Amino acid sequence: MIRLAIGAALAAAVALAAYRARALSLDGAIAAFVVGTIVVDAGGWSSAAVLLAFFVPSALLTRMGRERKRSLRGTHESAPRNAWQVLANGGIAALCAIAAVDASVPFNAAFAGAFAAASADTWGTEIGTLARRRPVSILTLRPMEPGLSGGVSLLGSVATIAGALCVAVVASLLRVAPFWLVAVAGIAGAMLDSVVGASLEVRYWCPTCARECETPQHYCGTPTTLRRGVRWIQNDAVNLMATLCGALVATALVVR
């Protein structure tokens, strides 16, 4: 009970700080509090450190180049992360932490792999979007508009690897899971994110700007029309798939 109380207090402090910094919306802060409390109570302080290895750098990177990112992603404002976004990135890891409560090696690996995938994807997106050269589609290798899912660049790829390594280092040092296993799982999850983003994620068309975007209303204010992709497969669904992939790859590697 003492660890639960301390964990809840720590999660509340981090969630409140993120909310006041506009990194999280109110419902996003509540979701982060729930995820953080579960992770600390079920996995202990080492698991909490793995969570922070994902969350803190990701929150900071999201604030880099905000004006450019707003225009490229086709939104009116750089909105704080909401509850669905928090759960898409941390929900799978929280479930794995609960399952690993008896020090289960596969579920500990899955926990770290899920956060490594979320970290790799976030680093690749937030840093890669700022690259000077246009990205190419991971499927066709043809140039595409910056800011759209499924695009890859040298800068973004290096950032993706760095994001996975950031979580892998912490997980390894605190003996949550082996370094190489977490790193591979994180990169695999981020790669799946790009593949699904390029093939199935919904795309809209802005007739005013004559360009694709990922939202029903473009940055310019024009309502957009559905162009391709599966309507329910939006960014949150893709992120959930990526973290699930990271968890499954880590589990597969640890039980070999």
C-alpha atoms as a PDB file:
ATOM      1  CA  MET A   1       0.000   0.000   0.000  1.00  0.00           C
ATOM      2  CA  ILE A   2       2.870   2.362   0.698  1.00  0.00           C
ATOM      3  CA  ARG A   3       4.297   1.859  -2.796  1.00  0.00           C
ATOM      4  CA  LEU A   4       0.849   2.371  -4.304  1.00  0.00           C
ATOM      5  CA  ALA A   5       0.410   5.652  -2.415  1.00  0.00           C
ATOM      6  CA  ILE A   6       3.875   6.911  -3.347  1.00  0.00           C
ATOM      7  CA  GLY A   7       3.423   5.776  -6.933  1.00  0.00           C
ATOM      8  CA  ALA A   8       0.069   7.523  -7.205  1.00  0.00           C
ATOM      9  CA  ALA A   9       1.571  10.710  -5.788  1.00  0.00           C
ATOM     10  CA  LEU A  10       4.481  10.573  -8.234  1.00  0.00           C
ATOM     11  CA  ALA A  11       2.161   9.853 -11.180  1.00  0.00           C
ATOM     12  CA  ALA A  12      -0.097  12.703 -10.155  1.00  0.00           C
ATOM     13  CA  ALA A  13       2.848  15.116  -9.926  1.00  0.00           C
ATOM     14  CA  VAL A  14       4.147  14.154 -13.390  1.00  0.00           C
ATOM     15  CA  ALA A  15       0.671  14.277 -14.940  1.00  0.00           C
ATOM     16  CA  LEU A  16      -0.041  17.671 -13.372  1.00  0.00           C
ATOM     17  CA  ALA A  17       3.273  19.074 -14.599  1.00  0.00           C
ATOM     18  CA  ALA A  18       2.567  17.798 -18.112  1.00  0.00           C
ATOM     19  CA  TYR A  19      -0.933  19.271 -17.992  1.00  0.00           C
ATOM     20  CA  ARG A  20       0.309  22.681 -16.876  1.00  0.00           C
ATOM     21  CA  ALA A  21       2.945  22.597 -19.624  1.00  0.00           C
ATOM     22  CA  ARG A  22       0.153  21.808 -22.140  1.00  0.00           C
ATOM     23  CA  ALA A  23       1.813  18.530 -23.045  1.00  0.00           C
ATOM     24  CA  LEU A  24      -1.369  16.737 -21.908  1.00  0.00           C
ATOM     25  CA  SER A  25      -5.033  17.668 -21.967  1.00  0.00           C
ATOM     26  CA  LEU A  26      -7.107  17.207 -18.819  1.00  0.00           C
ATOM     27  CA  ASP A  27      -8.328  13.753 -19.854  1.00  0.00           C
ATOM     28  CA  GLY A  28      -4.819  12.960 -21.074  1.00  0.00           C
ATOM     29  CA  ALA A  29      -3.415  13.861 -17.650  1.00  0.00           C
ATOM     30  CA  ILE A  30      -5.979  11.627 -15.966  1.00  0.00           C
ATOM     31  CA  ALA A  31      -5.063   8.753 -18.305  1.00  0.00           C
ATOM     32  CA  ALA A  32      -1.352   9.342 -17.643  1.00  0.00           C
ATOM     33  CA  PHE A  33      -2.023   9.288 -13.902  1.00  0.00           C
ATOM     34  CA  VAL A  34      -3.816   5.932 -14.213  1.00  0.00           C
ATOM     35  CA  VAL A  35      -1.100   4.397 -16.409  1.00  0.00           C
ATOM     36  CA  GLY A  36       1.679   5.712 -14.160  1.00  0.00           C
ATOM     37  CA  THR A  37       0.029   4.451 -10.990  1.00  0.00           C
ATOM     38  CA  ILE A  38      -0.494   0.996 -12.488  1.00  0.00           C
ATOM     39  CA  VAL A  39       3.100   0.795 -13.678  1.00  0.00           C
ATOM     40  CA  VAL A  40       4.606   1.825 -10.337  1.00  0.00           C
ATOM     41  CA  ASP A  41       2.306  -0.381  -8.257  1.00  0.00           C
ATOM     42  CA  ALA A  42       2.676  -3.452 -10.476  1.00  0.00           C
ATOM     43  CA  GLY A  43       6.259  -3.097 -11.669  1.00  0.00           C
ATOM     44  CA  GLY A  44       7.999  -1.034  -9.019  1.00  0.00           C
ATOM     45  CA  TRP A  45      10.478   1.802  -9.406  1.00  0.00           C
ATOM     46  CA  SER A  46      12.488   0.166 -12.178  1.00  0.00           C
ATOM     47  CA  SER A  47       9.371  -0.025 -14.338  1.00  0.00           C
ATOM     48  CA  ALA A  48       8.562   3.571 -13.465  1.00  0.00           C
ATOM     49  CA  ALA A  49      12.005   4.580 -14.711  1.00  0.00           C
ATOM     50  CA  VAL A  50      11.342   2.806 -18.027  1.00  0.00           C
ATOM     51  CA  LEU A  51       8.065   4.717 -18.351  1.00  0.00           C
ATOM     52  CA  LEU A  52       9.827   8.016 -17.675  1.00  0.00           C
ATOM     53  CA  ALA A  53      12.529   7.126 -20.219  1.00  0.00           C
ATOM     54  CA  PHE A  54       9.739   7.168 -22.793  1.00  0.00           C
ATOM     55  CA  PHE A  55       7.555   9.978 -21.475  1.00  0.00           C
ATOM     56  CA  VAL A  56       9.990  12.750 -20.529  1.00  0.00           C
ATOM     57  CA  PRO A  57      12.051  12.885 -23.768  1.00  0.00           C
ATOM     58  CA  SER A  58       8.907  12.412 -25.862  1.00  0.00           C
ATOM     59  CA  ALA A  59       7.149  15.334 -24.168  1.00  0.00           C
ATOM     60  CA  LEU A  60      10.173  17.559 -24.745  1.00  0.00           C
ATOM     61  CA  LEU A  61      10.586  16.536 -28.375  1.00  0.00           C
ATOM     62  CA  THR A  62       6.920  17.203 -29.094  1.00  0.00           C
ATOM     63  CA  ARG A  63       7.522  20.875 -28.312  1.00  0.00           C
ATOM     64  CA  MET A  64      10.373  21.223 -30.814  1.00  0.00           C
ATOM     65  CA  GLY A  65       9.457  23.134 -33.990  1.00  0.00           C
ATOM     66  CA  ARG A  66       5.785  23.353 -33.063  1.00  0.00           C
ATOM     67  CA  GLU A  67       4.838  25.890 -35.741  1.00  0.00           C
ATOM     68  CA  ARG A  68       6.319  23.809 -38.546  1.00  0.00           C
ATOM     69  CA  LYS A  69       4.733  20.645 -37.218  1.00  0.00           C
ATOM     70  CA  ARG A  70       1.288  22.265 -37.008  1.00  0.00           C
ATOM     71  CA  SER A  71       1.344  23.262 -40.659  1.00  0.00           C
ATOM     72  CA  LEU A  72       2.727  19.931 -41.864  1.00  0.00           C
ATOM     73  CA  ARG A  73       0.283  17.794 -39.894  1.00  0.00           C
ATOM     74  CA  GLY A  74      -2.714  19.805 -40.983  1.00  0.00           C
ATOM     75  CA  THR A  75      -4.095  20.927 -37.636  1.00  0.00           C
ATOM     76  CA  HIS A  76      -5.183  24.308 -36.332  1.00  0.00           C
ATOM     77  CA  GLU A  77      -3.057  24.117 -33.213  1.00  0.00           C
ATOM     78  CA  SER A  78      -0.553  21.864 -31.570  1.00  0.00           C
ATOM     79  CA  ALA A  79      -3.061  20.210 -29.261  1.00  0.00           C
ATOM     80  CA  PRO A  80      -1.959  18.525 -26.028  1.00  0.00           C
ATOM     81  CA  ARG A  81      -2.063  14.734 -26.042  1.00  0.00           C
ATOM     82  CA  ASN A  82      -5.489  13.453 -25.038  1.00  0.00           C
ATOM     83  CA  ALA A  83      -6.495  10.285 -23.191  1.00  0.00           C
ATOM     84  CA  TRP A  84      -6.724   8.167 -26.341  1.00  0.00           C
ATOM     85  CA  GLN A  85      -3.203   9.163 -27.351  1.00  0.00           C
ATOM     86  CA  VAL A  86      -1.862   8.381 -23.885  1.00  0.00           C
ATOM     87  CA  LEU A  87      -3.557   4.977 -23.841  1.00  0.00           C
ATOM     88  CA  ALA A  88      -2.434   4.218 -27.400  1.00  0.00           C
ATOM     89  CA  ASN A  89       1.181   4.708 -26.299  1.00  0.00           C
ATOM     90  CA  GLY A  90       1.018   3.364 -22.750  1.00  0.00           C
ATOM     91  CA  GLY A  91      -1.996   1.083 -22.485  1.00  0.00           C
ATOM     92  CA  ILE A  92      -0.296  -2.087 -23.729  1.00  0.00           C
ATOM     93  CA  ALA A  93       2.682  -1.494 -21.431  1.00  0.00           C
ATOM     94  CA  ALA A  94       0.381  -0.987 -18.442  1.00  0.00           C
ATOM     95  CA  LEU A  95      -1.373  -4.298 -19.147  1.00  0.00           C
ATOM     96  CA  CYS A  96       2.009  -6.022 -19.444  1.00  0.00           C
ATOM     97  CA  ALA A  97       3.084  -4.524 -16.114  1.00  0.00           C
ATOM     98  CA  ILE A  98       0.001  -6.009 -14.461  1.00  0.00           C
ATOM     99  CA  ALA A  99       0.693  -9.395 -16.045  1.00  0.00           C
ATOM    100  CA  ALA A 100       4.329  -9.247 -14.914  1.00  0.00           C
ATOM    101  CA  VAL A 101       3.463  -8.637 -11.268  1.00  0.00           C
ATOM    102  CA  ASP A 102       5.100 -11.953 -10.283  1.00  0.00           C
ATOM    103  CA  ALA A 103       8.364 -11.008 -12.035  1.00  0.00           C
ATOM    104  CA  SER A 104       7.403 -12.785 -15.260  1.00  0.00           C
ATOM    105  CA  VAL A 105      10.360 -12.472 -17.627  1.00  0.00           C
ATOM    106  CA  PRO A 106       8.285 -12.532 -20.872  1.00  0.00           C
ATOM    107  CA  PHE A 107       5.849  -9.882 -19.633  1.00  0.00           C
ATOM    108  CA  ASN A 108       8.645  -7.681 -18.308  1.00  0.00           C
ATOM    109  CA  ALA A 109      10.218  -7.867 -21.747  1.00  0.00           C
ATOM    110  CA  ALA A 110       6.858  -7.093 -23.366  1.00  0.00           C
ATOM    111  CA  PHE A 111       6.440  -4.102 -21.048  1.00  0.00           C
ATOM    112  CA  ALA A 112       9.804  -2.626 -22.026  1.00  0.00           C
ATOM    113  CA  GLY A 113       9.302  -3.507 -25.696  1.00  0.00           C
ATOM    114  CA  ALA A 114       5.990  -1.653 -25.816  1.00  0.00           C
ATOM    115  CA  PHE A 115       7.497   1.520 -24.389  1.00  0.00           C
ATOM    116  CA  ALA A 116      10.549   1.186 -26.644  1.00  0.00           C
ATOM    117  CA  ALA A 117       8.231   1.072 -29.677  1.00  0.00           C
ATOM    118  CA  ALA A 118       6.325   4.140 -28.465  1.00  0.00           C
ATOM    119  CA  SER A 119       9.594   5.958 -27.836  1.00  0.00           C
ATOM    120  CA  ALA A 120      11.107   4.989 -31.202  1.00  0.00           C
ATOM    121  CA  ASP A 121       8.000   6.099 -33.084  1.00  0.00           C
ATOM    122  CA  THR A 122       7.755   9.396 -31.195  1.00  0.00           C
ATOM    123  CA  TRP A 123      11.420  10.274 -31.645  1.00  0.00           C
ATOM    124  CA  GLY A 124      11.306   9.350 -35.341  1.00  0.00           C
ATOM    125  CA  THR A 125       8.193  11.439 -35.924  1.00  0.00           C
ATOM    126  CA  GLU A 126       9.068  14.508 -33.873  1.00  0.00           C
ATOM    127  CA  ILE A 127      12.663  14.789 -35.107  1.00  0.00           C
ATOM    128  CA  GLY A 128      12.125  13.406 -38.607  1.00  0.00           C
ATOM    129  CA  THR A 129       9.405  15.959 -39.328  1.00  0.00           C
ATOM    130  CA  LEU A 130      12.018  18.711 -38.981  1.00  0.00           C
ATOM    131  CA  ALA A 131      14.300  17.250 -41.674  1.00  0.00           C
ATOM    132  CA  ARG A 132      15.095  19.627 -44.527  1.00  0.00           C
ATOM    133  CA  ARG A 133      14.710  16.995 -47.242  1.00  0.00           C
ATOM    134  CA  ARG A 134      11.336  15.484 -48.111  1.00  0.00           C
ATOM    135  CA  PRO A 135      10.746  11.977 -46.747  1.00  0.00           C
ATOM    136  CA  VAL A 136       9.999   8.985 -48.938  1.00  0.00           C
ATOM    137  CA  SER A 137       7.269   6.388 -48.519  1.00  0.00           C
ATOM    138  CA  ILE A 138       8.502   3.313 -46.666  1.00  0.00           C
ATOM    139  CA  LEU A 139       6.589   1.185 -49.195  1.00  0.00           C
ATOM    140  CA  THR A 140       7.198   2.859 -52.572  1.00  0.00           C
ATOM    141  CA  LEU A 141      10.304   4.968 -51.795  1.00  0.00           C
ATOM    142  CA  ARG A 142       8.630   7.842 -53.640  1.00  0.00           C
ATOM    143  CA  PRO A 143       8.891  11.357 -52.157  1.00  0.00           C
ATOM    144  CA  MET A 144       5.884  12.379 -50.071  1.00  0.00           C
ATOM    145  CA  GLU A 145       4.660  15.364 -48.084  1.00  0.00           C
ATOM    146  CA  PRO A 146       6.473  15.882 -44.763  1.00  0.00           C
ATOM    147  CA  GLY A 147       4.402  15.201 -41.674  1.00  0.00           C
ATOM    148  CA  LEU A 148       2.344  12.337 -43.086  1.00  0.00           C
ATOM    149  CA  SER A 149       2.531   8.862 -41.567  1.00  0.00           C
ATOM    150  CA  GLY A 150       4.522   6.310 -43.530  1.00  0.00           C
ATOM    151  CA  GLY A 151       7.298   8.672 -44.557  1.00  0.00           C
ATOM    152  CA  VAL A 152      10.897   7.904 -43.671  1.00  0.00           C
ATOM    153  CA  SER A 153      14.100   9.937 -43.835  1.00  0.00           C
ATOM    154  CA  LEU A 154      17.705   9.509 -42.739  1.00  0.00           C
ATOM    155  CA  LEU A 155      17.247  11.919 -39.835  1.00  0.00           C
ATOM    156  CA  GLY A 156      13.991  10.281 -38.797  1.00  0.00           C
ATOM    157  CA  SER A 157      15.472   6.784 -39.015  1.00  0.00           C
ATOM    158  CA  VAL A 158      18.433   7.741 -36.825  1.00  0.00           C
ATOM    159  CA  ALA A 159      16.021   9.334 -34.345  1.00  0.00           C
ATOM    160  CA  THR A 160      13.864   6.183 -34.347  1.00  0.00           C
ATOM    161  CA  ILE A 161      16.846   4.047 -33.388  1.00  0.00           C
ATOM    162  CA  ALA A 162      17.882   6.557 -30.724  1.00  0.00           C
ATOM    163  CA  GLY A 163      14.388   6.510 -29.228  1.00  0.00           C
ATOM    164  CA  ALA A 164      14.417   2.735 -28.943  1.00  0.00           C
ATOM    165  CA  LEU A 165      17.918   2.786 -27.457  1.00  0.00           C
ATOM    166  CA  CYS A 166      16.899   5.362 -24.840  1.00  0.00           C
ATOM    167  CA  VAL A 167      14.347   2.981 -23.330  1.00  0.00           C
ATOM    168  CA  ALA A 168      16.546  -0.073 -23.911  1.00  0.00           C
ATOM    169  CA  VAL A 169      19.432   1.439 -21.922  1.00  0.00           C
ATOM    170  CA  VAL A 170      17.242   2.186 -18.913  1.00  0.00           C
ATOM    171  CA  ALA A 171      15.514  -1.210 -19.066  1.00  0.00           C
ATOM    172  CA  SER A 172      18.885  -2.959 -19.255  1.00  0.00           C
ATOM    173  CA  LEU A 173      20.565  -0.982 -16.472  1.00  0.00           C
ATOM    174  CA  LEU A 174      17.645  -1.652 -14.127  1.00  0.00           C
ATOM    175  CA  ARG A 175      17.410  -5.305 -15.202  1.00  0.00           C
ATOM    176  CA  VAL A 176      13.872  -5.073 -16.502  1.00  0.00           C
ATOM    177  CA  ALA A 177      14.819  -6.694 -19.825  1.00  0.00           C
ATOM    178  CA  PRO A 178      17.956  -7.246 -21.966  1.00  0.00           C
ATOM    179  CA  PHE A 179      19.218  -4.255 -23.936  1.00  0.00           C
ATOM    180  CA  TRP A 180      19.335  -5.809 -27.421  1.00  0.00           C
ATOM    181  CA  LEU A 181      15.912  -7.378 -27.051  1.00  0.00           C
ATOM    182  CA  VAL A 182      14.210  -4.096 -26.090  1.00  0.00           C
ATOM    183  CA  ALA A 183      16.019  -2.177 -28.818  1.00  0.00           C
ATOM    184  CA  VAL A 184      15.016  -4.639 -31.544  1.00  0.00           C
ATOM    185  CA  ALA A 185      11.410  -4.714 -30.327  1.00  0.00           C
ATOM    186  CA  GLY A 186      11.219  -0.923 -30.288  1.00  0.00           C
ATOM    187  CA  ILE A 187      12.568  -0.560 -33.821  1.00  0.00           C
ATOM    188  CA  ALA A 188      10.243  -3.305 -35.077  1.00  0.00           C
ATOM    189  CA  GLY A 189       7.225  -1.555 -33.583  1.00  0.00           C
ATOM    190  CA  ALA A 190       8.193   1.763 -35.155  1.00  0.00           C
ATOM    191  CA  MET A 191       8.678   0.106 -38.546  1.00  0.00           C
ATOM    192  CA  LEU A 192       5.210  -1.437 -38.353  1.00  0.00           C
ATOM    193  CA  ASP A 193       3.856   2.010 -37.512  1.00  0.00           C
ATOM    194  CA  SER A 194       5.360   3.391 -40.718  1.00  0.00           C
ATOM    195  CA  VAL A 195       4.133   0.494 -42.866  1.00  0.00           C
ATOM    196  CA  VAL A 196       0.560   0.733 -41.556  1.00  0.00           C
ATOM    197  CA  GLY A 197       0.712   4.515 -41.800  1.00  0.00           C
ATOM    198  CA  ALA A 198       1.688   4.313 -45.462  1.00  0.00           C
ATOM    199  CA  SER A 199      -0.861   1.658 -46.410  1.00  0.00           C
ATOM    200  CA  LEU A 200      -3.971   1.634 -44.207  1.00  0.00           C
ATOM    201  CA  GLU A 201      -4.076   4.861 -42.203  1.00  0.00           C
ATOM    202  CA  VAL A 202      -6.830   7.252 -43.304  1.00  0.00           C
ATOM    203  CA  ARG A 203      -5.926  10.151 -45.608  1.00  0.00           C
ATOM    204  CA  TYR A 204      -7.983  13.252 -46.346  1.00  0.00           C
ATOM    205  CA  TRP A 205      -7.725  15.750 -49.199  1.00  0.00           C
ATOM    206  CA  CYS A 206      -7.769  19.533 -48.845  1.00  0.00           C
ATOM    207  CA  PRO A 207      -9.164  21.063 -52.054  1.00  0.00           C
ATOM    208  CA  THR A 208      -7.951  24.551 -51.129  1.00  0.00           C
ATOM    209  CA  CYS A 209      -4.304  23.590 -50.617  1.00  0.00           C
ATOM    210  CA  ALA A 210      -4.430  20.603 -52.998  1.00  0.00           C
ATOM    211  CA  ARG A 211      -2.621  18.332 -50.553  1.00  0.00           C
ATOM    212  CA  GLU A 212      -3.206  15.315 -48.355  1.00  0.00           C
ATOM    213  CA  CYS A 213      -3.557  15.481 -44.595  1.00  0.00           C
ATOM    214  CA  GLU A 214      -4.670  13.217 -41.746  1.00  0.00           C
ATOM    215  CA  THR A 215      -7.498  15.282 -40.270  1.00  0.00           C
ATOM    216  CA  PRO A 216     -11.100  16.080 -41.287  1.00  0.00           C
ATOM    217  CA  GLN A 217     -10.183  19.780 -41.244  1.00  0.00           C
ATOM    218  CA  HIS A 218      -6.955  21.112 -42.698  1.00  0.00           C
ATOM    219  CA  TYR A 219      -4.600  23.655 -41.129  1.00  0.00           C
ATOM    220  CA  CYS A 220      -5.995  26.314 -43.499  1.00  0.00           C
ATOM    221  CA  GLY A 221      -9.477  25.790 -42.057  1.00  0.00           C
ATOM    222  CA  THR A 222     -10.953  23.962 -45.040  1.00  0.00           C
ATOM    223  CA  PRO A 223     -13.055  20.837 -44.393  1.00  0.00           C
ATOM    224  CA  THR A 224     -11.397  17.872 -46.083  1.00  0.00           C
ATOM    225  CA  THR A 225     -12.749  14.813 -47.890  1.00  0.00           C
ATOM    226  CA  LEU A 226     -11.815  11.191 -47.363  1.00  0.00           C
ATOM    227  CA  ARG A 227      -9.335  10.140 -50.033  1.00  0.00           C
ATOM    228  CA  ARG A 228      -8.021   6.711 -49.064  1.00  0.00           C
ATOM    229  CA  GLY A 229      -7.288   4.388 -46.186  1.00  0.00           C
ATOM    230  CA  VAL A 230      -9.520   2.830 -43.548  1.00  0.00           C
ATOM    231  CA  ARG A 231     -11.583   5.478 -41.754  1.00  0.00           C
ATOM    232  CA  TRP A 232     -11.125   4.026 -38.233  1.00  0.00           C
ATOM    233  CA  ILE A 233      -7.381   3.497 -38.644  1.00  0.00           C
ATOM    234  CA  GLN A 234      -6.166   6.875 -37.478  1.00  0.00           C
ATOM    235  CA  ASN A 235      -2.947   7.792 -35.723  1.00  0.00           C
ATOM    236  CA  ASP A 236      -4.019   6.489 -32.301  1.00  0.00           C
ATOM    237  CA  ALA A 237      -4.935   3.085 -33.741  1.00  0.00           C
ATOM    238  CA  VAL A 238      -1.591   2.906 -35.554  1.00  0.00           C
ATOM    239  CA  ASN A 239       0.304   3.781 -32.365  1.00  0.00           C
ATOM    240  CA  LEU A 240      -1.575   1.061 -30.497  1.00  0.00           C
ATOM    241  CA  MET A 241      -0.569  -1.460 -33.176  1.00  0.00           C
ATOM    242  CA  ALA A 242       3.057  -0.330 -32.910  1.00  0.00           C
ATOM    243  CA  THR A 243       3.231  -0.781 -29.140  1.00  0.00           C
ATOM    244  CA  LEU A 244       1.505  -4.161 -29.394  1.00  0.00           C
ATOM    245  CA  CYS A 245       4.069  -5.166 -32.014  1.00  0.00           C
ATOM    246  CA  GLY A 246       6.908  -4.071 -29.711  1.00  0.00           C
ATOM    247  CA  ALA A 247       5.467  -6.138 -26.870  1.00  0.00           C
ATOM    248  CA  LEU A 248       4.971  -9.231 -29.037  1.00  0.00           C
ATOM    249  CA  VAL A 249       8.429  -9.050 -30.629  1.00  0.00           C
ATOM    250  CA  ALA A 250      10.077  -8.690 -27.212  1.00  0.00           C
ATOM    251  CA  THR A 251       8.102 -11.665 -25.905  1.00  0.00           C
ATOM    252  CA  ALA A 252       9.014 -13.784 -28.920  1.00  0.00           C
ATOM    253  CA  LEU A 253      12.693 -12.986 -28.544  1.00  0.00           C
ATOM    254  CA  VAL A 254      12.850 -13.689 -24.820  1.00  0.00           C
ATOM    255  CA  VAL A 255      11.160 -17.103 -25.085  1.00  0.00           C
ATOM    256  CA  ARG A 256      13.311 -18.342 -28.002  1.00  0.00           C
END
